[in-house]
Amino acid sequence: MRITLIVALLLSNNELTKPQVVRSRVSRVEVSAHDIATNRTKLAYRGYVIHKNMRKIRIDDRSYGGRLYFEQDEYARLTRKGRILLRFDGLIGGVGNSIEFGLFSFLRASEKQLLVSQDTFRGGKQWIVRLRRSPRILYDGHAWATGREIDDMSVIDLDGDGKYEVIVPTCIFYGFASLSPAATPLPSIVFKYSRESKKFLPANLEFAEYLLNGIEDRKRTIQAIGSPPDNMNHLGDVLGIVLEYLFAGHASEAWTFYDQAYKLPDKHEMKDKILAELRSSPVYRFIYHKHNRRRTT
């Protein structure tokens, strides 16, 4: 009984917020962004109103001989006292798109923020907006080249500080080296709210242990080379692990693993292609910028 009491006291104190025990906090409830969103066409909060709107747009589809056709486009507008303040738009998909929104306490229980997601097939962009005296965008997935459909976004308080981290994939490797969509890696990016910047910023370095959990198991299941589909899956498996290491700030481990694991003859050329693609990633540039870089072993 005494041992149980001591354990309970330890679990209830502030030590849970220390970095070395982040791993014990991953059991906290993870919330899917899909569960935050609502299918309503209008939502009001603190004098703000967000409306869902629809329109028909003309698309020049070159795959059908340049034929023009109309597709349904859903977008949203944030208003206050009838004045349009923000418009959530810009994602056009070949099969149309959809938009959803909802309210959630990302930062503290007494206040809710607006989540908006515009989705198309295998694509999407999300926003988180603080609704105070004037609206402020705290997270813009398009600006960071992150996010897919709303089901691929989740929130969880990883460090136990009462504020939720946002977890989204980055899809910058879609179409890379002829990888099929199923073989394309979608590494997770963790965004943490910064009081200084007043927005969500990439925080993979802080949560590297969480992100790299299970990576040794993945190494044991890498597809061997052989047929063209085998070679494609081999690249996808190796690349996925390399990207997890890189986005966690473990560049040395990433390329050491690559040199050992990648068995196709274009090893040097492929590394150059991977690096060229990474340089287009705002998250990668943020992590490895001299002011944000953290040395890892």
C-alpha atoms as a PDB file:
ATOM      1  CA  MET A   1       0.000   0.000   0.000  1.00  0.00           C
ATOM      2  CA  ARG A   2       2.807   2.438   0.872  1.00  0.00           C
ATOM      3  CA  ILE A   3       4.632   1.718  -2.388  1.00  0.00           C
ATOM      4  CA  THR A   4       1.429   2.387  -4.337  1.00  0.00           C
ATOM      5  CA  LEU A   5       0.976   5.715  -2.526  1.00  0.00           C
ATOM      6  CA  ILE A   6       4.552   6.799  -3.266  1.00  0.00           C
ATOM      7  CA  VAL A   7       4.153   5.962  -6.961  1.00  0.00           C
ATOM      8  CA  ALA A   8       0.898   7.925  -7.116  1.00  0.00           C
ATOM      9  CA  LEU A   9       2.568  10.964  -5.518  1.00  0.00           C
ATOM     10  CA  LEU A  10       5.455  10.808  -7.966  1.00  0.00           C
ATOM     11  CA  LEU A  11       3.107  10.627 -10.921  1.00  0.00           C
ATOM     12  CA  SER A  12       1.156  13.631  -9.730  1.00  0.00           C
ATOM     13  CA  ASN A  13       4.042  16.072  -9.298  1.00  0.00           C
ATOM     14  CA  ASN A  14       5.622  18.425 -11.821  1.00  0.00           C
ATOM     15  CA  GLU A  15       8.480  16.068 -12.644  1.00  0.00           C
ATOM     16  CA  LEU A  16       6.313  14.732 -15.467  1.00  0.00           C
ATOM     17  CA  THR A  17       7.150  17.804 -17.525  1.00  0.00           C
ATOM     18  CA  LYS A  18      10.882  17.048 -17.651  1.00  0.00           C
ATOM     19  CA  PRO A  19      12.249  15.941 -21.048  1.00  0.00           C
ATOM     20  CA  GLN A  20      13.591  12.624 -19.782  1.00  0.00           C
ATOM     21  CA  VAL A  21      10.105  11.374 -18.995  1.00  0.00           C
ATOM     22  CA  VAL A  22       8.404  12.427 -22.229  1.00  0.00           C
ATOM     23  CA  ARG A  23       8.333   8.775 -23.213  1.00  0.00           C
ATOM     24  CA  SER A  24       6.042   8.009 -20.243  1.00  0.00           C
ATOM     25  CA  ARG A  25       3.587  10.692 -21.365  1.00  0.00           C
ATOM     26  CA  VAL A  26       2.794   9.318 -24.814  1.00  0.00           C
ATOM     27  CA  SER A  27      -0.068   7.390 -23.260  1.00  0.00           C
ATOM     28  CA  ARG A  28      -1.944  10.708 -22.927  1.00  0.00           C
ATOM     29  CA  VAL A  29      -5.040  10.920 -25.075  1.00  0.00           C
ATOM     30  CA  GLU A  30      -4.322  11.561 -28.754  1.00  0.00           C
ATOM     31  CA  VAL A  31      -7.133  13.384 -30.517  1.00  0.00           C
ATOM     32  CA  SER A  32      -7.748  13.044 -34.236  1.00  0.00           C
ATOM     33  CA  ALA A  33      -8.416  16.304 -36.044  1.00  0.00           C
ATOM     34  CA  HIS A  34     -11.321  14.496 -37.700  1.00  0.00           C
ATOM     35  CA  ASP A  35     -13.003  14.290 -34.289  1.00  0.00           C
ATOM     36  CA  ILE A  36     -12.526  18.032 -33.733  1.00  0.00           C
ATOM     37  CA  ALA A  37     -14.192  19.025 -37.001  1.00  0.00           C
ATOM     38  CA  THR A  38     -17.912  19.298 -37.547  1.00  0.00           C
ATOM     39  CA  ASN A  39     -20.008  18.904 -40.685  1.00  0.00           C
ATOM     40  CA  ARG A  40     -21.909  22.117 -39.955  1.00  0.00           C
ATOM     41  CA  THR A  41     -21.933  24.841 -42.590  1.00  0.00           C
ATOM     42  CA  LYS A  42     -21.632  27.635 -40.024  1.00  0.00           C
ATOM     43  CA  LEU A  43     -19.999  27.959 -36.613  1.00  0.00           C
ATOM     44  CA  ALA A  44     -19.959  30.943 -34.237  1.00  0.00           C
ATOM     45  CA  TYR A  45     -17.572  31.746 -31.367  1.00  0.00           C
ATOM     46  CA  ARG A  46     -16.827  35.010 -29.521  1.00  0.00           C
ATOM     47  CA  GLY A  47     -18.476  37.143 -32.166  1.00  0.00           C
ATOM     48  CA  TYR A  48     -16.710  35.367 -35.031  1.00  0.00           C
ATOM     49  CA  VAL A  49     -18.594  33.312 -37.591  1.00  0.00           C
ATOM     50  CA  ILE A  50     -17.037  30.855 -40.029  1.00  0.00           C
ATOM     51  CA  HIS A  51     -19.107  29.932 -43.061  1.00  0.00           C
ATOM     52  CA  LYS A  52     -18.692  27.050 -45.487  1.00  0.00           C
ATOM     53  CA  ASN A  53     -19.156  28.100 -49.110  1.00  0.00           C
ATOM     54  CA  MET A  54     -19.347  26.224 -52.406  1.00  0.00           C
ATOM     55  CA  ARG A  55     -18.688  27.207 -55.990  1.00  0.00           C
ATOM     56  CA  LYS A  56     -18.104  25.609 -59.369  1.00  0.00           C
ATOM     57  CA  ILE A  57     -14.691  26.064 -60.963  1.00  0.00           C
ATOM     58  CA  ARG A  58     -13.503  25.367 -64.497  1.00  0.00           C
ATOM     59  CA  ILE A  59     -10.577  22.985 -64.835  1.00  0.00           C
ATOM     60  CA  ASP A  60      -8.538  22.400 -67.979  1.00  0.00           C
ATOM     61  CA  ASP A  61      -7.933  18.645 -67.752  1.00  0.00           C
ATOM     62  CA  ARG A  62      -5.100  17.877 -70.167  1.00  0.00           C
ATOM     63  CA  SER A  63      -5.421  14.132 -69.557  1.00  0.00           C
ATOM     64  CA  TYR A  64      -8.696  14.314 -71.509  1.00  0.00           C
ATOM     65  CA  GLY A  65      -7.444  16.305 -74.434  1.00  0.00           C
ATOM     66  CA  GLY A  66      -7.594  19.655 -72.709  1.00  0.00           C
ATOM     67  CA  ARG A  67     -11.333  19.426 -72.124  1.00  0.00           C
ATOM     68  CA  LEU A  68     -12.807  21.995 -69.754  1.00  0.00           C
ATOM     69  CA  TYR A  69     -15.178  20.820 -67.058  1.00  0.00           C
ATOM     70  CA  PHE A  70     -16.640  22.115 -63.799  1.00  0.00           C
ATOM     71  CA  GLU A  71     -15.726  20.791 -60.377  1.00  0.00           C
ATOM     72  CA  GLN A  72     -17.091  21.514 -56.908  1.00  0.00           C
ATOM     73  CA  ASP A  73     -14.861  23.677 -54.727  1.00  0.00           C
ATOM     74  CA  GLU A  74     -15.531  24.168 -51.020  1.00  0.00           C
ATOM     75  CA  TYR A  75     -13.929  27.037 -49.134  1.00  0.00           C
ATOM     76  CA  ALA A  76     -14.570  28.947 -45.895  1.00  0.00           C
ATOM     77  CA  ARG A  77     -14.705  32.567 -44.796  1.00  0.00           C
ATOM     78  CA  LEU A  78     -14.206  33.928 -41.287  1.00  0.00           C
ATOM     79  CA  THR A  79     -16.295  37.001 -40.565  1.00  0.00           C
ATOM     80  CA  ARG A  80     -17.064  39.355 -37.703  1.00  0.00           C
ATOM     81  CA  LYS A  81     -19.991  41.775 -37.787  1.00  0.00           C
ATOM     82  CA  GLY A  82     -20.421  40.871 -41.441  1.00  0.00           C
ATOM     83  CA  ARG A  83     -16.850  41.778 -42.404  1.00  0.00           C
ATOM     84  CA  ILE A  84     -14.692  39.102 -44.060  1.00  0.00           C
ATOM     85  CA  LEU A  85     -11.425  38.735 -42.116  1.00  0.00           C
ATOM     86  CA  LEU A  86      -9.909  35.506 -43.426  1.00  0.00           C
ATOM     87  CA  ARG A  87     -10.566  33.193 -46.353  1.00  0.00           C
ATOM     88  CA  PHE A  88      -9.527  29.541 -46.331  1.00  0.00           C
ATOM     89  CA  ASP A  89      -9.066  28.484 -49.917  1.00  0.00           C
ATOM     90  CA  GLY A  90      -6.544  27.576 -52.589  1.00  0.00           C
ATOM     91  CA  LEU A  91      -6.575  23.772 -52.776  1.00  0.00           C
ATOM     92  CA  ILE A  92      -7.981  22.527 -56.070  1.00  0.00           C
ATOM     93  CA  GLY A  93      -8.233  18.783 -56.614  1.00  0.00           C
ATOM     94  CA  GLY A  94      -9.065  16.776 -59.719  1.00  0.00           C
ATOM     95  CA  VAL A  95     -11.965  15.166 -57.855  1.00  0.00           C
ATOM     96  CA  GLY A  96     -13.101  18.272 -56.048  1.00  0.00           C
ATOM     97  CA  ASN A  97     -12.439  19.113 -52.428  1.00  0.00           C
ATOM     98  CA  SER A  98     -14.150  19.511 -49.076  1.00  0.00           C
ATOM     99  CA  ILE A  99     -13.732  21.816 -46.101  1.00  0.00           C
ATOM    100  CA  GLU A 100     -14.377  21.177 -42.419  1.00  0.00           C
ATOM    101  CA  PHE A 101     -13.869  23.222 -39.284  1.00  0.00           C
ATOM    102  CA  GLY A 102     -14.251  22.962 -35.525  1.00  0.00           C
ATOM    103  CA  LEU A 103     -13.250  24.455 -32.180  1.00  0.00           C
ATOM    104  CA  PHE A 104     -10.710  22.929 -29.793  1.00  0.00           C
ATOM    105  CA  SER A 105      -8.655  24.053 -26.780  1.00  0.00           C
ATOM    106  CA  PHE A 106      -5.180  23.625 -28.237  1.00  0.00           C
ATOM    107  CA  LEU A 107      -3.534  25.992 -25.741  1.00  0.00           C
ATOM    108  CA  ARG A 108      -5.582  26.079 -22.554  1.00  0.00           C
ATOM    109  CA  ALA A 109      -8.946  24.883 -21.305  1.00  0.00           C
ATOM    110  CA  SER A 110     -10.525  28.332 -20.936  1.00  0.00           C
ATOM    111  CA  GLU A 111     -10.160  29.255 -24.609  1.00  0.00           C
ATOM    112  CA  LYS A 112     -10.821  27.526 -27.899  1.00  0.00           C
ATOM    113  CA  GLN A 113      -9.097  27.980 -31.230  1.00  0.00           C
ATOM    114  CA  LEU A 114     -10.468  27.398 -34.704  1.00  0.00           C
ATOM    115  CA  LEU A 115      -9.291  24.428 -36.784  1.00  0.00           C
ATOM    116  CA  VAL A 116      -9.942  24.512 -40.536  1.00  0.00           C
ATOM    117  CA  SER A 117      -9.072  21.746 -42.994  1.00  0.00           C
ATOM    118  CA  GLN A 118      -9.487  21.846 -46.775  1.00  0.00           C
ATOM    119  CA  ASP A 119      -9.052  18.346 -48.208  1.00  0.00           C
ATOM    120  CA  THR A 120      -8.782  16.613 -51.538  1.00  0.00           C
ATOM    121  CA  PHE A 121      -7.722  13.061 -52.432  1.00  0.00           C
ATOM    122  CA  ARG A 122      -4.314  12.441 -50.795  1.00  0.00           C
ATOM    123  CA  GLY A 123      -3.920  16.121 -50.136  1.00  0.00           C
ATOM    124  CA  GLY A 124      -4.964  18.826 -47.755  1.00  0.00           C
ATOM    125  CA  LYS A 125      -4.090  22.001 -45.902  1.00  0.00           C
ATOM    126  CA  GLN A 126      -4.936  22.873 -42.315  1.00  0.00           C
ATOM    127  CA  TRP A 127      -5.017  26.073 -40.292  1.00  0.00           C
ATOM    128  CA  ILE A 128      -5.286  26.810 -36.564  1.00  0.00           C
ATOM    129  CA  VAL A 129      -6.551  30.296 -35.723  1.00  0.00           C
ATOM    130  CA  ARG A 130      -6.716  32.135 -32.394  1.00  0.00           C
ATOM    131  CA  LEU A 131      -9.913  34.166 -32.090  1.00  0.00           C
ATOM    132  CA  ARG A 132      -9.248  37.078 -29.785  1.00  0.00           C
ATOM    133  CA  ARG A 133      -9.555  40.808 -30.496  1.00  0.00           C
ATOM    134  CA  SER A 134      -8.322  40.062 -33.991  1.00  0.00           C
ATOM    135  CA  PRO A 135      -7.777  36.622 -35.568  1.00  0.00           C
ATOM    136  CA  ARG A 136      -4.237  35.268 -35.663  1.00  0.00           C
ATOM    137  CA  ILE A 137      -3.104  32.228 -37.646  1.00  0.00           C
ATOM    138  CA  LEU A 138      -1.102  30.010 -35.290  1.00  0.00           C
ATOM    139  CA  TYR A 139      -0.477  27.175 -37.727  1.00  0.00           C
ATOM    140  CA  ASP A 140      -0.552  27.206 -41.531  1.00  0.00           C
ATOM    141  CA  GLY A 141       0.181  23.764 -42.935  1.00  0.00           C
ATOM    142  CA  HIS A 142       0.659  25.048 -46.475  1.00  0.00           C
ATOM    143  CA  ALA A 143       3.392  27.457 -45.349  1.00  0.00           C
ATOM    144  CA  TRP A 144       5.325  24.517 -43.835  1.00  0.00           C
ATOM    145  CA  ALA A 145       4.557  22.074 -46.699  1.00  0.00           C
ATOM    146  CA  THR A 146       2.896  19.790 -44.159  1.00  0.00           C
ATOM    147  CA  GLY A 147      -0.486  18.139 -43.889  1.00  0.00           C
ATOM    148  CA  ARG A 148      -2.617  15.828 -45.938  1.00  0.00           C
ATOM    149  CA  GLU A 149      -6.268  14.934 -45.324  1.00  0.00           C
ATOM    150  CA  ILE A 150      -7.764  15.809 -41.958  1.00  0.00           C
ATOM    151  CA  ASP A 151      -7.579  12.170 -40.825  1.00  0.00           C
ATOM    152  CA  ASP A 152      -3.775  12.413 -41.018  1.00  0.00           C
ATOM    153  CA  MET A 153      -3.614  15.206 -38.424  1.00  0.00           C
ATOM    154  CA  SER A 154      -3.729  14.621 -34.665  1.00  0.00           C
ATOM    155  CA  VAL A 155      -3.025  16.514 -31.458  1.00  0.00           C
ATOM    156  CA  ILE A 156      -1.525  15.262 -28.203  1.00  0.00           C
ATOM    157  CA  ASP A 157       0.088  16.860 -25.157  1.00  0.00           C
ATOM    158  CA  LEU A 158       3.452  15.097 -25.363  1.00  0.00           C
ATOM    159  CA  ASP A 159       5.277  17.010 -22.640  1.00  0.00           C
ATOM    160  CA  GLY A 160       2.400  17.379 -20.171  1.00  0.00           C
ATOM    161  CA  ASP A 161       2.466  21.192 -20.107  1.00  0.00           C
ATOM    162  CA  GLY A 162      -1.263  21.556 -20.720  1.00  0.00           C
ATOM    163  CA  LYS A 163      -0.854  22.630 -24.354  1.00  0.00           C
ATOM    164  CA  TYR A 164      -1.322  20.285 -27.283  1.00  0.00           C
ATOM    165  CA  GLU A 165       1.322  19.498 -29.849  1.00  0.00           C
ATOM    166  CA  VAL A 166       0.160  19.096 -33.454  1.00  0.00           C
ATOM    167  CA  ILE A 167       1.331  16.062 -35.435  1.00  0.00           C
ATOM    168  CA  VAL A 168       1.071  16.125 -39.222  1.00  0.00           C
ATOM    169  CA  PRO A 169       2.888  14.406 -42.104  1.00  0.00           C
ATOM    170  CA  THR A 170       5.004  16.127 -44.684  1.00  0.00           C
ATOM    171  CA  CYS A 171       4.311  14.937 -48.206  1.00  0.00           C
ATOM    172  CA  ILE A 172       7.251  16.526 -50.030  1.00  0.00           C
ATOM    173  CA  PHE A 173       8.387  13.127 -51.354  1.00  0.00           C
ATOM    174  CA  TYR A 174       5.197  12.410 -53.302  1.00  0.00           C
ATOM    175  CA  GLY A 175       6.326  11.578 -56.838  1.00  0.00           C
ATOM    176  CA  PHE A 176       9.953  11.186 -55.787  1.00  0.00           C
ATOM    177  CA  ALA A 177      12.006   8.766 -57.931  1.00  0.00           C
ATOM    178  CA  SER A 178       8.823   7.157 -59.301  1.00  0.00           C
ATOM    179  CA  LEU A 179       7.770   5.868 -55.871  1.00  0.00           C
ATOM    180  CA  SER A 180       4.180   4.684 -55.751  1.00  0.00           C
ATOM    181  CA  PRO A 181       1.922   6.491 -53.246  1.00  0.00           C
ATOM    182  CA  ALA A 182       1.925   3.366 -51.056  1.00  0.00           C
ATOM    183  CA  ALA A 183       5.737   3.290 -50.966  1.00  0.00           C
ATOM    184  CA  THR A 184       6.174   7.030 -50.377  1.00  0.00           C
ATOM    185  CA  PRO A 185       7.310   7.935 -46.835  1.00  0.00           C
ATOM    186  CA  LEU A 186       5.223  10.467 -44.921  1.00  0.00           C
ATOM    187  CA  PRO A 187       7.438  11.412 -41.959  1.00  0.00           C
ATOM    188  CA  SER A 188       5.655  12.968 -38.989  1.00  0.00           C
ATOM    189  CA  ILE A 189       6.331  16.570 -38.015  1.00  0.00           C
ATOM    190  CA  VAL A 190       5.544  17.704 -34.477  1.00  0.00           C
ATOM    191  CA  PHE A 191       4.556  21.352 -34.033  1.00  0.00           C
ATOM    192  CA  LYS A 192       4.744  22.927 -30.573  1.00  0.00           C
ATOM    193  CA  TYR A 193       3.301  26.289 -29.628  1.00  0.00           C
ATOM    194  CA  SER A 194       5.957  28.953 -29.093  1.00  0.00           C
ATOM    195  CA  ARG A 195       5.068  31.768 -26.687  1.00  0.00           C
ATOM    196  CA  GLU A 196       7.800  33.928 -28.214  1.00  0.00           C
ATOM    197  CA  SER A 197       6.660  33.521 -31.820  1.00  0.00           C
ATOM    198  CA  LYS A 198       2.975  33.167 -30.895  1.00  0.00           C
ATOM    199  CA  LYS A 199       2.599  30.320 -33.369  1.00  0.00           C
ATOM    200  CA  PHE A 200       3.206  26.596 -33.737  1.00  0.00           C
ATOM    201  CA  LEU A 201       6.773  25.788 -34.807  1.00  0.00           C
ATOM    202  CA  PRO A 202       8.471  22.489 -35.756  1.00  0.00           C
ATOM    203  CA  ALA A 203       9.682  20.706 -32.599  1.00  0.00           C
ATOM    204  CA  ASN A 204      10.941  17.327 -33.800  1.00  0.00           C
ATOM    205  CA  LEU A 205      14.242  17.886 -32.000  1.00  0.00           C
ATOM    206  CA  GLU A 206      12.456  18.121 -28.670  1.00  0.00           C
ATOM    207  CA  PHE A 207      10.401  14.982 -29.300  1.00  0.00           C
ATOM    208  CA  ALA A 208      12.988  12.872 -31.128  1.00  0.00           C
ATOM    209  CA  GLU A 209      12.572   9.932 -28.759  1.00  0.00           C
ATOM    210  CA  TYR A 210       8.838   9.831 -29.430  1.00  0.00           C
ATOM    211  CA  LEU A 211       9.323  10.057 -33.201  1.00  0.00           C
ATOM    212  CA  LEU A 212      12.033   7.398 -33.364  1.00  0.00           C
ATOM    213  CA  ASN A 213      10.146   4.881 -31.274  1.00  0.00           C
ATOM    214  CA  GLY A 214      10.026   1.564 -33.145  1.00  0.00           C
ATOM    215  CA  ILE A 215      12.604   2.522 -35.753  1.00  0.00           C
ATOM    216  CA  GLU A 216      14.768  -0.514 -34.984  1.00  0.00           C
ATOM    217  CA  ASP A 217      11.811  -2.771 -35.796  1.00  0.00           C
ATOM    218  CA  ARG A 218      11.382  -0.989 -39.112  1.00  0.00           C
ATOM    219  CA  LYS A 219      15.024  -1.640 -39.977  1.00  0.00           C
ATOM    220  CA  ARG A 220      14.414  -5.366 -39.682  1.00  0.00           C
ATOM    221  CA  THR A 221      11.605  -5.327 -42.248  1.00  0.00           C
ATOM    222  CA  ILE A 222      13.284  -3.451 -45.110  1.00  0.00           C
ATOM    223  CA  GLN A 223      12.380  -4.965 -48.477  1.00  0.00           C
ATOM    224  CA  ALA A 224      15.287  -6.766 -50.151  1.00  0.00           C
ATOM    225  CA  ILE A 225      16.208  -5.719 -53.700  1.00  0.00           C
ATOM    226  CA  GLY A 226      15.184  -7.864 -56.658  1.00  0.00           C
ATOM    227  CA  SER A 227      12.363  -7.120 -59.085  1.00  0.00           C
ATOM    228  CA  PRO A 228      11.453  -3.513 -60.010  1.00  0.00           C
ATOM    229  CA  PRO A 229       8.603  -3.441 -57.420  1.00  0.00           C
ATOM    230  CA  ASP A 230      10.999  -4.864 -54.821  1.00  0.00           C
ATOM    231  CA  ASN A 231      13.553  -2.162 -55.626  1.00  0.00           C
ATOM    232  CA  MET A 232      10.926   0.556 -55.366  1.00  0.00           C
ATOM    233  CA  ASN A 233       9.783  -0.712 -51.952  1.00  0.00           C
ATOM    234  CA  HIS A 234      13.423  -1.040 -50.867  1.00  0.00           C
ATOM    235  CA  LEU A 235      13.975   2.643 -51.639  1.00  0.00           C
ATOM    236  CA  GLY A 236      10.755   3.609 -49.869  1.00  0.00           C
ATOM    237  CA  ASP A 237      11.630   1.603 -46.741  1.00  0.00           C
ATOM    238  CA  VAL A 238      15.173   2.991 -46.498  1.00  0.00           C
ATOM    239  CA  LEU A 239      14.104   6.535 -47.311  1.00  0.00           C
ATOM    240  CA  GLY A 240      11.382   6.454 -44.656  1.00  0.00           C
ATOM    241  CA  ILE A 241      13.891   5.648 -41.918  1.00  0.00           C
ATOM    242  CA  VAL A 242      16.415   8.182 -43.226  1.00  0.00           C
ATOM    243  CA  LEU A 243      13.774  10.915 -43.128  1.00  0.00           C
ATOM    244  CA  GLU A 244      12.659  10.057 -39.594  1.00  0.00           C
ATOM    245  CA  TYR A 245      16.274  10.415 -38.429  1.00  0.00           C
ATOM    246  CA  LEU A 246      16.839  13.621 -40.375  1.00  0.00           C
ATOM    247  CA  PHE A 247      13.704  15.374 -39.175  1.00  0.00           C
ATOM    248  CA  ALA A 248      14.567  14.334 -35.613  1.00  0.00           C
ATOM    249  CA  GLY A 249      17.909  16.119 -35.990  1.00  0.00           C
ATOM    250  CA  HIS A 250      19.976  12.924 -36.182  1.00  0.00           C
ATOM    251  CA  ALA A 251      21.728  13.596 -39.497  1.00  0.00           C
ATOM    252  CA  SER A 252      24.784  11.479 -38.694  1.00  0.00           C
ATOM    253  CA  GLU A 253      22.673   8.420 -37.868  1.00  0.00           C
ATOM    254  CA  ALA A 254      20.543   9.024 -40.964  1.00  0.00           C
ATOM    255  CA  TRP A 255      23.387   8.885 -43.462  1.00  0.00           C
ATOM    256  CA  THR A 256      25.295   6.145 -41.656  1.00  0.00           C
ATOM    257  CA  PHE A 257      22.171   4.017 -41.858  1.00  0.00           C
ATOM    258  CA  TYR A 258      21.660   4.953 -45.519  1.00  0.00           C
ATOM    259  CA  ASP A 259      25.199   3.926 -46.463  1.00  0.00           C
ATOM    260  CA  GLN A 260      24.727   0.560 -44.765  1.00  0.00           C
ATOM    261  CA  ALA A 261      21.142  -0.229 -45.757  1.00  0.00           C
ATOM    262  CA  TYR A 262      20.656   1.069 -49.307  1.00  0.00           C
ATOM    263  CA  LYS A 263      21.692  -1.687 -51.714  1.00  0.00           C
ATOM    264  CA  LEU A 264      20.854  -0.335 -55.163  1.00  0.00           C
ATOM    265  CA  PRO A 265      23.730   0.805 -57.424  1.00  0.00           C
ATOM    266  CA  ASP A 266      22.677   4.482 -57.569  1.00  0.00           C
ATOM    267  CA  LYS A 267      23.561   5.165 -53.916  1.00  0.00           C
ATOM    268  CA  HIS A 268      25.460   8.416 -54.469  1.00  0.00           C
ATOM    269  CA  GLU A 269      23.059   9.825 -57.054  1.00  0.00           C
ATOM    270  CA  MET A 270      20.063   8.973 -54.879  1.00  0.00           C
ATOM    271  CA  LYS A 271      21.560  10.717 -51.864  1.00  0.00           C
ATOM    272  CA  ASP A 272      22.000  13.884 -53.914  1.00  0.00           C
ATOM    273  CA  LYS A 273      18.360  13.669 -55.039  1.00  0.00           C
ATOM    274  CA  ILE A 274      17.158  13.207 -51.456  1.00  0.00           C
ATOM    275  CA  LEU A 275      19.142  16.224 -50.267  1.00  0.00           C
ATOM    276  CA  ALA A 276      17.872  18.359 -53.146  1.00  0.00           C
ATOM    277  CA  GLU A 277      14.287  17.504 -52.222  1.00  0.00           C
ATOM    278  CA  LEU A 278      14.899  18.207 -48.556  1.00  0.00           C
ATOM    279  CA  ARG A 279      16.257  21.667 -49.291  1.00  0.00           C
ATOM    280  CA  SER A 280      12.795  22.588 -50.581  1.00  0.00           C
ATOM    281  CA  SER A 281      11.244  21.697 -47.199  1.00  0.00           C
ATOM    282  CA  PRO A 282      10.573  24.664 -44.874  1.00  0.00           C
ATOM    283  CA  VAL A 283      10.632  22.280 -41.895  1.00  0.00           C
ATOM    284  CA  TYR A 284      14.034  20.848 -42.859  1.00  0.00           C
ATOM    285  CA  ARG A 285      15.476  24.332 -43.329  1.00  0.00           C
ATOM    286  CA  PHE A 286      14.067  25.405 -39.965  1.00  0.00           C
ATOM    287  CA  ILE A 287      15.561  22.412 -38.142  1.00  0.00           C
ATOM    288  CA  TYR A 288      19.008  22.767 -39.662  1.00  0.00           C
ATOM    289  CA  HIS A 289      19.219  26.557 -39.595  1.00  0.00           C
ATOM    290  CA  LYS A 290      22.203  27.648 -37.502  1.00  0.00           C
ATOM    291  CA  HIS A 291      19.945  29.330 -34.938  1.00  0.00           C
ATOM    292  CA  ASN A 292      17.719  26.304 -34.424  1.00  0.00           C
ATOM    293  CA  ARG A 293      20.137  23.398 -34.809  1.00  0.00           C
ATOM    294  CA  ARG A 294      20.836  21.148 -31.854  1.00  0.00           C
ATOM    295  CA  ARG A 295      23.832  18.826 -31.801  1.00  0.00           C
ATOM    296  CA  THR A 296      22.872  15.154 -31.555  1.00  0.00           C
ATOM    297  CA  THR A 297      24.987  12.101 -30.983  1.00  0.00           C
END
